[in-house]
Amino acid sequence: MMAEYYFSRIEKQYYDSIMQYRNEMLESNSTFDGCSSLDKYEDIEKWHLNCNLFESVYTLPPGYSLGFEYLYLCDDEVVGMINMRPDALNHPYLKQFGGHIGYSIKPSKRQTGIGTKMLKEFLPICKDIYKLDKILITCLEENIGSKKIIINNGGIFESSVLYNPTDKKLERYWIKL
């Protein structure tokens, strides 16, 4: 039987799988890009409630941009996460460094093509739900895996910028939808 991949918003039925995702990311010392600060929450329900704050201008913490968290699942196992920030170009930090999408792949699922598949399947959501005609995605210059995911999905390199917190170069790519 073929594995079934699909997106879901955060739901209680996935809390255990989200916790497994979190633990694997911590054990591998991964960055939590696109995970809405999941690394800071031992209680998945509290993380979920925090994510909900970013989905409305009425509950959005000051200085932040709207963000919508998506789980990428394979047969009910969380294998990736995407944070969609539709107003990124109106936010000074995201416009320069973060872009419209942040994402991560569960470490045990990397280098399997899941990241490329996940982003490819998310692009129609960007167009159809968020009404975007192009998206900005960034990655550290040294993150070859992320760079391949972006390029495999039509990413066109725009520029490199110095990312001050790490003193590393961040590459900016555009994908036309």
Foldseek 3Di string as FASTA:
>chain_A
DDWDKDKDFDDPLLQVLVLVLLVLCVVVVHDCWQPQPPVVDPHVVVSSVVLVQLQDPVSPDPLDARWGKMFIDIVSHGFKIKIAGLCQCVHVCSVPAAKGIIMDGRVVCAPVCVLLVVVLVCVVCCCPVSVDQKIKHKDFPPCVRVVCSCVSQPWDWDDWDQDPVVRTIMTITMHGD
